[in-house]
C-alpha atoms as a PDB file:
ATOM      1  CA  LEU A   1       6.207   3.246   8.855  1.00  0.00           C
ATOM      2  CA  LYS A   2       8.574   5.422   6.847  1.00  0.00           C
ATOM      3  CA  THR A   3      10.756   5.913   9.937  1.00  0.00           C
ATOM      4  CA  ALA A   4      10.861   2.146  10.608  1.00  0.00           C
ATOM      5  CA  LEU A   5      11.964   1.685   6.994  1.00  0.00           C
ATOM      6  CA  SER A   6      14.576   4.476   7.251  1.00  0.00           C
ATOM      7  CA  GLY A   7      12.752   6.218   4.403  1.00  0.00           C
ATOM      8  CA  ARG A   8      12.914   3.222   2.061  1.00  0.00           C
ATOM      9  CA  MET A   9       9.464   3.471   0.434  1.00  0.00           C
ATOM     10  CA  TYR A  10       9.582   3.129  -3.342  1.00  0.00           C
ATOM     11  CA  PRO A  11       6.825   3.813  -5.856  1.00  0.00           C
ATOM     12  CA  HIS A  12       6.757   1.204  -8.652  1.00  0.00           C
ATOM     13  CA  GLY A  13       9.380  -1.047  -7.038  1.00  0.00           C
ATOM     14  CA  ALA A  14      12.838  -0.807  -5.500  1.00  0.00           C
ATOM     15  CA  THR A  15      16.199  -0.616  -7.200  1.00  0.00           C
ATOM     16  CA  GLN A  16      18.574  -3.553  -7.087  1.00  0.00           C
ATOM     17  CA  ASN A  17      20.681  -4.101  -3.979  1.00  0.00           C
ATOM     18  CA  VAL A  18      18.406  -1.989  -1.773  1.00  0.00           C
ATOM     19  CA  ASP A  19      18.838  -2.253   1.998  1.00  0.00           C
ATOM     20  CA  PHE A  20      16.231  -4.145   4.025  1.00  0.00           C
ATOM     21  CA  PRO A  21      13.609  -3.641   5.255  1.00  0.00           C
ATOM     22  CA  TYR A  22      11.760  -1.678   2.582  1.00  0.00           C
ATOM     23  CA  CYS A  23       8.366  -1.084   1.016  1.00  0.00           C
ATOM     24  CA  ALA A  24       7.380  -0.847  -2.647  1.00  0.00           C
ATOM     25  CA  TYR A  25       3.932   0.365  -3.643  1.00  0.00           C
ATOM     26  CA  PHE A  26       1.988   0.166  -6.870  1.00  0.00           C
ATOM     27  CA  VAL A  27      -1.320   1.142  -8.422  1.00  0.00           C
ATOM     28  CA  ILE A  28      -2.689  -2.229  -9.517  1.00  0.00           C
ATOM     29  CA  SER A  29      -5.883  -1.104 -11.241  1.00  0.00           C
ATOM     30  CA  GLU A  30      -8.363   1.732 -11.573  1.00  0.00           C
ATOM     31  CA  PHE A  31     -12.115   1.572 -12.114  1.00  0.00           C
ATOM     32  CA  MET A  32     -14.308   4.505 -13.048  1.00  0.00           C
ATOM     33  CA  GLN A  33     -18.023   4.875 -12.315  1.00  0.00           C
ATOM     34  CA  GLN A  34     -20.101   7.691 -13.671  1.00  0.00           C
ATOM     35  CA  ASP A  35     -23.782   8.441 -13.399  1.00  0.00           C
ATOM     36  CA  PHE A  36     -25.932  11.552 -13.624  1.00  0.00           C
ATOM     37  CA  THR A  37     -24.856  12.949 -10.253  1.00  0.00           C
ATOM     38  CA  ASP A  38     -21.242  11.998  -9.659  1.00  0.00           C
ATOM     39  CA  GLU A  39     -18.012  10.583 -11.016  1.00  0.00           C
ATOM     40  CA  ARG A  40     -16.223   8.043  -8.839  1.00  0.00           C
ATOM     41  CA  GLU A  41     -13.005   6.120  -9.103  1.00  0.00           C
ATOM     42  CA  THR A  42     -11.780   3.084  -7.240  1.00  0.00           C
ATOM     43  CA  VAL A  43      -8.022   2.634  -7.278  1.00  0.00           C
ATOM     44  CA  ASN A  44      -6.426  -0.599  -6.081  1.00  0.00           C
ATOM     45  CA  VAL A  45      -3.071   0.047  -4.407  1.00  0.00           C
ATOM     46  CA  GLN A  46      -0.667  -2.656  -3.252  1.00  0.00           C
ATOM     47  CA  PHE A  47       2.010  -2.126  -0.625  1.00  0.00           C
ATOM     48  CA  SER A  48       4.721  -4.811  -0.622  1.00  0.00           C
ATOM     49  CA  LEU A  49       6.794  -5.006   2.557  1.00  0.00           C
ATOM     50  CA  PHE A  50      10.139  -6.843   2.483  1.00  0.00           C
ATOM     51  CA  SER A  51      12.304  -8.152   5.320  1.00  0.00           C
ATOM     52  CA  GLU A  52      15.337 -10.425   5.338  1.00  0.00           C
ATOM     53  CA  GLN A  53      15.067 -11.202   9.071  1.00  0.00           C
ATOM     54  CA  GLU A  54      14.618 -14.914   9.771  1.00  0.00           C
ATOM     55  CA  SER A  55      11.856 -14.363  12.300  1.00  0.00           C
ATOM     56  CA  LEU A  56       8.444 -12.892  11.528  1.00  0.00           C
ATOM     57  CA  GLU A  57       8.835 -10.113  14.107  1.00  0.00           C
ATOM     58  CA  GLU A  58      10.102  -7.376  11.754  1.00  0.00           C
ATOM     59  CA  ILE A  59       7.660  -8.041   8.900  1.00  0.00           C
ATOM     60  CA  ALA A  60       4.752  -8.328  11.362  1.00  0.00           C
ATOM     61  CA  THR A  61       5.721  -5.009  12.962  1.00  0.00           C
ATOM     62  CA  LEU A  62       5.915  -3.317   9.554  1.00  0.00           C
ATOM     63  CA  TYR A  63       2.471  -4.709   8.729  1.00  0.00           C
ATOM     64  CA  GLU A  64       1.059  -3.231  11.945  1.00  0.00           C
ATOM     65  CA  TYR A  65       2.627   0.161  11.122  1.00  0.00           C
ATOM     66  CA  LEU A  66       1.118   0.036   7.630  1.00  0.00           C
ATOM     67  CA  LYS A  67      -2.333  -0.741   9.011  1.00  0.00           C
ATOM     68  CA  ALA A  68      -2.069   2.040  11.611  1.00  0.00           C
ATOM     69  CA  LEU A  69      -1.060   4.529   8.924  1.00  0.00           C
ATOM     70  CA  TYR A  70      -3.604   3.678   6.204  1.00  0.00           C
ATOM     71  CA  ASP A  71      -6.561   1.641   7.473  1.00  0.00           C
ATOM     72  CA  ASP A  72      -9.793   3.633   7.100  1.00  0.00           C
ATOM     73  CA  GLN A  73      -7.931   6.916   6.714  1.00  0.00           C
ATOM     74  CA  ILE A  74      -9.079   9.980   4.817  1.00  0.00           C
ATOM     75  CA  LEU A  75      -6.250  11.261   2.633  1.00  0.00           C
ATOM     76  CA  SER A  76      -6.025  14.462   0.621  1.00  0.00           C
ATOM     77  CA  VAL A  77      -6.106  14.015  -3.165  1.00  0.00           C
ATOM     78  CA  ASP A  78      -6.230  17.150  -5.334  1.00  0.00           C
ATOM     79  CA  GLY A  79      -9.490  17.462  -7.268  1.00  0.00           C
ATOM     80  CA  TYR A  80     -11.184  14.617  -5.380  1.00  0.00           C
ATOM     81  CA  THR A  81     -13.077  13.915  -2.189  1.00  0.00           C
ATOM     82  CA  MET A  82     -11.786  10.832  -0.397  1.00  0.00           C
ATOM     83  CA  LEU A  83     -14.621   8.409   0.302  1.00  0.00           C
ATOM     84  CA  GLU A  84     -12.727   5.413   1.637  1.00  0.00           C
ATOM     85  CA  PHE A  85      -9.245   3.910   2.062  1.00  0.00           C
ATOM     86  CA  LYS A  86      -9.887   0.294   2.976  1.00  0.00           C
ATOM     87  CA  ARG A  87      -7.593  -2.727   3.311  1.00  0.00           C
ATOM     88  CA  TYR A  88      -9.085  -5.772   1.642  1.00  0.00           C
ATOM     89  CA  ALA A  89      -6.313  -8.356   1.362  1.00  0.00           C
ATOM     90  CA  GLY A  90      -2.951  -9.371   2.753  1.00  0.00           C
ATOM     91  CA  HIS A  91      -0.624 -12.141   1.575  1.00  0.00           C
ATOM     92  CA  LEU A  92       2.465 -13.171   3.532  1.00  0.00           C
ATOM     93  CA  ILE A  93       5.002 -15.279   1.645  1.00  0.00           C
ATOM     94  CA  LYS A  94       8.625 -16.279   2.115  1.00  0.00           C
ATOM     95  CA  ASP A  95      11.053 -16.645  -0.765  1.00  0.00           C
ATOM     96  CA  ILE A  96      13.008 -19.648   0.464  1.00  0.00           C
ATOM     97  CA  GLU A  97      15.870 -19.199  -2.045  1.00  0.00           C
ATOM     98  CA  LEU A  98      16.469 -15.543  -1.124  1.00  0.00           C
ATOM     99  CA  GLY A  99      15.453 -15.879   2.531  1.00  0.00           C
ATOM    100  CA  VAL A 100      13.175 -12.835   2.261  1.00  0.00           C
ATOM    101  CA  TRP A 101       9.729 -12.299   3.753  1.00  0.00           C
ATOM    102  CA  GLN A 102       7.257 -10.419   1.567  1.00  0.00           C
ATOM    103  CA  TYR A 103       3.910  -9.104   2.795  1.00  0.00           C
ATOM    104  CA  ASN A 104       1.623  -7.845   0.018  1.00  0.00           C
ATOM    105  CA  VAL A 105      -1.185  -5.675   1.375  1.00  0.00           C
ATOM    106  CA  ASP A 106      -3.967  -4.449  -0.924  1.00  0.00           C
ATOM    107  CA  TYR A 107      -6.164  -1.398  -0.414  1.00  0.00           C
ATOM    108  CA  ASP A 108      -9.188  -0.004  -2.249  1.00  0.00           C
ATOM    109  CA  VAL A 109      -9.126   3.768  -2.505  1.00  0.00           C
ATOM    110  CA  MET A 110     -12.545   5.191  -3.341  1.00  0.00           C
ATOM    111  CA  LEU A 111     -12.615   8.773  -4.646  1.00  0.00           C
ATOM    112  CA  GLU A 112     -15.279  11.144  -5.927  1.00  0.00           C
ATOM    113  CA  LYS A 113     -14.333  13.847  -8.408  1.00  0.00           C
ATOM    114  CA  GLN A 114     -15.084  17.320  -7.099  1.00  0.00           C
ATOM    115  CA  ARG A 115     -17.447  19.380  -9.171  1.00  0.00           C
ATOM    116  CA  VAL A 116     -16.228  22.768 -10.243  1.00  0.00           C
END
């Protein structure tokens, strides 16, 4: 995915006048769960893919790369055990005025804090 975007992956949004295509990603929300045996967190992360190509081919390809990279993967997070990285929503829209495709893809990241 990063190669297809020529490295244009931006946490918290892109700067103005960025080259297309690109991806911005955000933490949307965090939920904590604690009981007598463990401490868990669910983090909602959104990846927003952008393309100015008229056809859907580029944005659809980027979406497939994103899914291949993140769907049901186990990632390393310091101090936590990864329980799940699961895609739960995708929203494809086109900004008619700007002529830009935007694909918002949401993931739930479920983590369990490691006991020391």
